N, C-alpha and C. Protein backbone atom coordinates (compact mmCIF):
# COMPACT_ATOMS: atom_id res chain seq x y z
N MET A 1 -47.22 10.00 37.07
CA MET A 1 -47.39 9.31 35.80
C MET A 1 -46.86 10.18 34.65
N VAL A 2 -47.17 11.45 34.65
CA VAL A 2 -46.71 12.35 33.59
C VAL A 2 -45.19 12.48 33.65
N LEU A 3 -44.64 12.56 34.86
CA LEU A 3 -43.20 12.67 35.02
C LEU A 3 -42.51 11.41 34.50
N PHE A 4 -43.10 10.26 34.75
CA PHE A 4 -42.55 9.00 34.27
C PHE A 4 -42.50 8.97 32.73
N ARG A 5 -43.58 9.40 32.10
CA ARG A 5 -43.62 9.43 30.64
C ARG A 5 -42.57 10.38 30.07
N PHE A 6 -42.42 11.52 30.72
CA PHE A 6 -41.44 12.51 30.28
C PHE A 6 -40.03 11.91 30.37
N ARG A 7 -39.74 11.23 31.49
CA ARG A 7 -38.41 10.64 31.66
C ARG A 7 -38.17 9.52 30.64
N MET A 8 -39.17 8.73 30.37
CA MET A 8 -39.03 7.64 29.41
C MET A 8 -38.81 8.21 27.99
N LYS A 9 -39.56 9.26 27.69
CA LYS A 9 -39.41 9.88 26.38
C LYS A 9 -38.01 10.49 26.23
N LYS A 10 -37.53 11.12 27.29
CA LYS A 10 -36.21 11.71 27.29
C LYS A 10 -35.13 10.62 27.16
N LEU A 11 -35.30 9.52 27.87
CA LEU A 11 -34.37 8.41 27.79
C LEU A 11 -34.36 7.80 26.39
N PHE A 12 -35.53 7.63 25.82
CA PHE A 12 -35.64 7.08 24.47
C PHE A 12 -34.96 7.99 23.46
N THR A 13 -35.18 9.28 23.56
CA THR A 13 -34.58 10.24 22.64
C THR A 13 -33.05 10.22 22.76
N ARG A 14 -32.56 10.18 23.99
CA ARG A 14 -31.11 10.13 24.18
C ARG A 14 -30.52 8.84 23.62
N SER A 15 -31.19 7.74 23.83
CA SER A 15 -30.65 6.47 23.33
C SER A 15 -30.62 6.45 21.81
N ILE A 16 -31.63 7.01 21.16
CA ILE A 16 -31.64 7.10 19.70
C ILE A 16 -30.50 8.00 19.22
N LEU A 17 -30.32 9.12 19.88
CA LEU A 17 -29.27 10.06 19.50
C LEU A 17 -27.89 9.42 19.66
N ILE A 18 -27.66 8.76 20.78
CA ILE A 18 -26.37 8.11 21.03
C ILE A 18 -26.14 7.00 20.01
N SER A 19 -27.17 6.22 19.70
CA SER A 19 -27.03 5.15 18.70
C SER A 19 -26.67 5.72 17.33
N THR A 20 -27.33 6.79 16.95
CA THR A 20 -27.06 7.42 15.66
C THR A 20 -25.63 7.95 15.60
N LEU A 21 -25.19 8.61 16.64
CA LEU A 21 -23.83 9.14 16.67
C LEU A 21 -22.80 8.03 16.64
N LEU A 22 -23.07 6.95 17.34
CA LEU A 22 -22.14 5.82 17.36
C LEU A 22 -22.02 5.19 15.98
N ILE A 23 -23.14 4.98 15.32
CA ILE A 23 -23.12 4.39 13.97
C ILE A 23 -22.41 5.33 13.00
N ALA A 24 -22.67 6.62 13.10
CA ALA A 24 -22.03 7.58 12.20
C ALA A 24 -20.52 7.62 12.43
N SER A 25 -20.10 7.59 13.68
CA SER A 25 -18.66 7.65 13.96
C SER A 25 -17.95 6.39 13.50
N ILE A 26 -18.60 5.25 13.60
CA ILE A 26 -18.00 4.00 13.13
C ILE A 26 -17.90 4.02 11.60
N GLY A 27 -18.92 4.53 10.95
CA GLY A 27 -18.91 4.59 9.49
C GLY A 27 -17.87 5.55 8.95
N CYS A 28 -17.62 6.63 9.64
CA CYS A 28 -16.66 7.63 9.17
C CYS A 28 -15.23 7.29 9.57
N ALA A 29 -15.05 6.35 10.45
CA ALA A 29 -13.72 6.05 10.97
C ALA A 29 -12.93 5.13 10.05
N GLY A 30 -13.56 4.61 9.01
CA GLY A 30 -12.87 3.69 8.11
C GLY A 30 -11.74 4.39 7.37
N PRO A 31 -10.64 3.68 7.17
CA PRO A 31 -9.51 4.30 6.46
C PRO A 31 -9.84 4.51 4.99
N GLY A 32 -9.32 5.57 4.44
CA GLY A 32 -9.53 5.85 3.02
C GLY A 32 -8.55 5.05 2.19
N PRO A 33 -8.64 5.19 0.88
CA PRO A 33 -7.72 4.45 0.01
C PRO A 33 -6.28 4.94 0.21
N SER A 34 -5.36 4.02 0.05
CA SER A 34 -3.94 4.37 0.21
C SER A 34 -3.50 5.27 -0.94
N PRO A 35 -2.41 5.99 -0.76
CA PRO A 35 -1.91 6.84 -1.85
C PRO A 35 -1.60 6.04 -3.11
N GLU A 36 -1.09 4.82 -2.93
CA GLU A 36 -0.79 3.97 -4.09
C GLU A 36 -2.08 3.63 -4.84
N GLN A 37 -3.12 3.32 -4.08
CA GLN A 37 -4.39 2.99 -4.72
C GLN A 37 -4.98 4.20 -5.42
N GLN A 38 -4.86 5.36 -4.80
CA GLN A 38 -5.35 6.59 -5.43
C GLN A 38 -4.63 6.85 -6.74
N ALA A 39 -3.30 6.67 -6.75
CA ALA A 39 -2.51 6.89 -7.96
C ALA A 39 -2.90 5.88 -9.03
N ARG A 40 -3.11 4.63 -8.62
CA ARG A 40 -3.49 3.58 -9.57
C ARG A 40 -4.85 3.89 -10.20
N GLU A 41 -5.80 4.33 -9.37
CA GLU A 41 -7.13 4.68 -9.88
C GLU A 41 -7.07 5.88 -10.82
N ALA A 42 -6.22 6.85 -10.50
CA ALA A 42 -6.07 8.02 -11.38
C ALA A 42 -5.48 7.60 -12.72
N ASP A 43 -4.50 6.69 -12.69
CA ASP A 43 -3.92 6.19 -13.93
C ASP A 43 -4.95 5.43 -14.76
N GLN A 44 -5.75 4.62 -14.10
CA GLN A 44 -6.79 3.87 -14.80
C GLN A 44 -7.81 4.81 -15.43
N GLN A 45 -8.15 5.87 -14.71
CA GLN A 45 -9.11 6.85 -15.23
C GLN A 45 -8.54 7.54 -16.48
N LYS A 46 -7.27 7.93 -16.41
CA LYS A 46 -6.63 8.57 -17.56
C LYS A 46 -6.58 7.63 -18.76
N GLU A 47 -6.25 6.37 -18.50
CA GLU A 47 -6.18 5.38 -19.58
C GLU A 47 -7.56 5.17 -20.21
N ALA A 48 -8.58 5.10 -19.39
CA ALA A 48 -9.95 4.93 -19.91
C ALA A 48 -10.36 6.12 -20.76
N GLU A 49 -10.01 7.32 -20.31
CA GLU A 49 -10.33 8.52 -21.08
C GLU A 49 -9.57 8.53 -22.41
N ARG A 50 -8.31 8.10 -22.39
CA ARG A 50 -7.51 8.04 -23.61
C ARG A 50 -8.12 7.05 -24.61
N GLN A 51 -8.52 5.87 -24.10
CA GLN A 51 -9.12 4.87 -24.97
C GLN A 51 -10.44 5.37 -25.56
N GLN A 52 -11.21 6.06 -24.74
CA GLN A 52 -12.49 6.59 -25.21
C GLN A 52 -12.26 7.65 -26.30
N LYS A 53 -11.24 8.47 -26.11
CA LYS A 53 -10.91 9.49 -27.10
C LYS A 53 -10.50 8.86 -28.42
N GLU A 54 -9.68 7.81 -28.35
CA GLU A 54 -9.26 7.11 -29.56
C GLU A 54 -10.46 6.46 -30.26
N PHE A 55 -11.35 5.89 -29.48
CA PHE A 55 -12.54 5.25 -30.06
C PHE A 55 -13.40 6.27 -30.79
N ARG A 56 -13.58 7.44 -30.16
CA ARG A 56 -14.39 8.48 -30.80
C ARG A 56 -13.77 8.97 -32.09
N LYS A 57 -12.43 9.01 -32.14
CA LYS A 57 -11.75 9.44 -33.36
C LYS A 57 -11.99 8.44 -34.49
N SER A 58 -12.13 7.16 -34.13
CA SER A 58 -12.29 6.12 -35.15
C SER A 58 -13.71 6.07 -35.72
N LEU A 59 -14.66 6.74 -35.09
CA LEU A 59 -16.04 6.73 -35.57
C LEU A 59 -16.19 7.62 -36.80
N PRO A 60 -17.07 7.26 -37.72
CA PRO A 60 -17.29 8.12 -38.89
C PRO A 60 -17.98 9.43 -38.46
N THR A 61 -17.77 10.45 -39.23
CA THR A 61 -18.40 11.74 -38.90
C THR A 61 -19.90 11.67 -39.18
N VAL A 62 -20.64 12.50 -38.49
CA VAL A 62 -22.09 12.54 -38.63
C VAL A 62 -22.45 13.75 -39.48
N ALA A 63 -23.35 13.58 -40.46
CA ALA A 63 -23.71 14.65 -41.38
C ALA A 63 -24.39 15.81 -40.68
N ASN A 64 -25.42 15.53 -39.89
CA ASN A 64 -26.17 16.57 -39.18
C ASN A 64 -26.21 16.24 -37.69
N PRO A 65 -25.16 16.56 -36.97
CA PRO A 65 -25.16 16.22 -35.54
C PRO A 65 -26.27 16.96 -34.79
N GLY A 66 -26.91 16.26 -33.90
CA GLY A 66 -27.96 16.87 -33.08
C GLY A 66 -29.31 16.92 -33.76
N GLN A 67 -29.44 16.40 -34.97
CA GLN A 67 -30.70 16.46 -35.69
C GLN A 67 -31.59 15.24 -35.43
N GLY A 68 -31.06 14.26 -34.72
CA GLY A 68 -31.85 13.06 -34.46
C GLY A 68 -31.84 12.13 -35.65
N TRP A 69 -32.88 11.31 -35.79
CA TRP A 69 -32.94 10.33 -36.87
C TRP A 69 -33.38 11.04 -38.09
């Protein structure tokens, strides 16, 4: 009886481990973004930063920055 429990516990542990490894390998096997997509995203990021910089320049200056209300 004790040997049976040990074998079942060992089988259960192995099946959990194999399932986890299988799920992890499937999740990591997905292809990454293409070089074109990476370049497009980098361009979009630069454009967003440029627009944000222009917007900040258009704001009026603050008399006491960091002083709160």
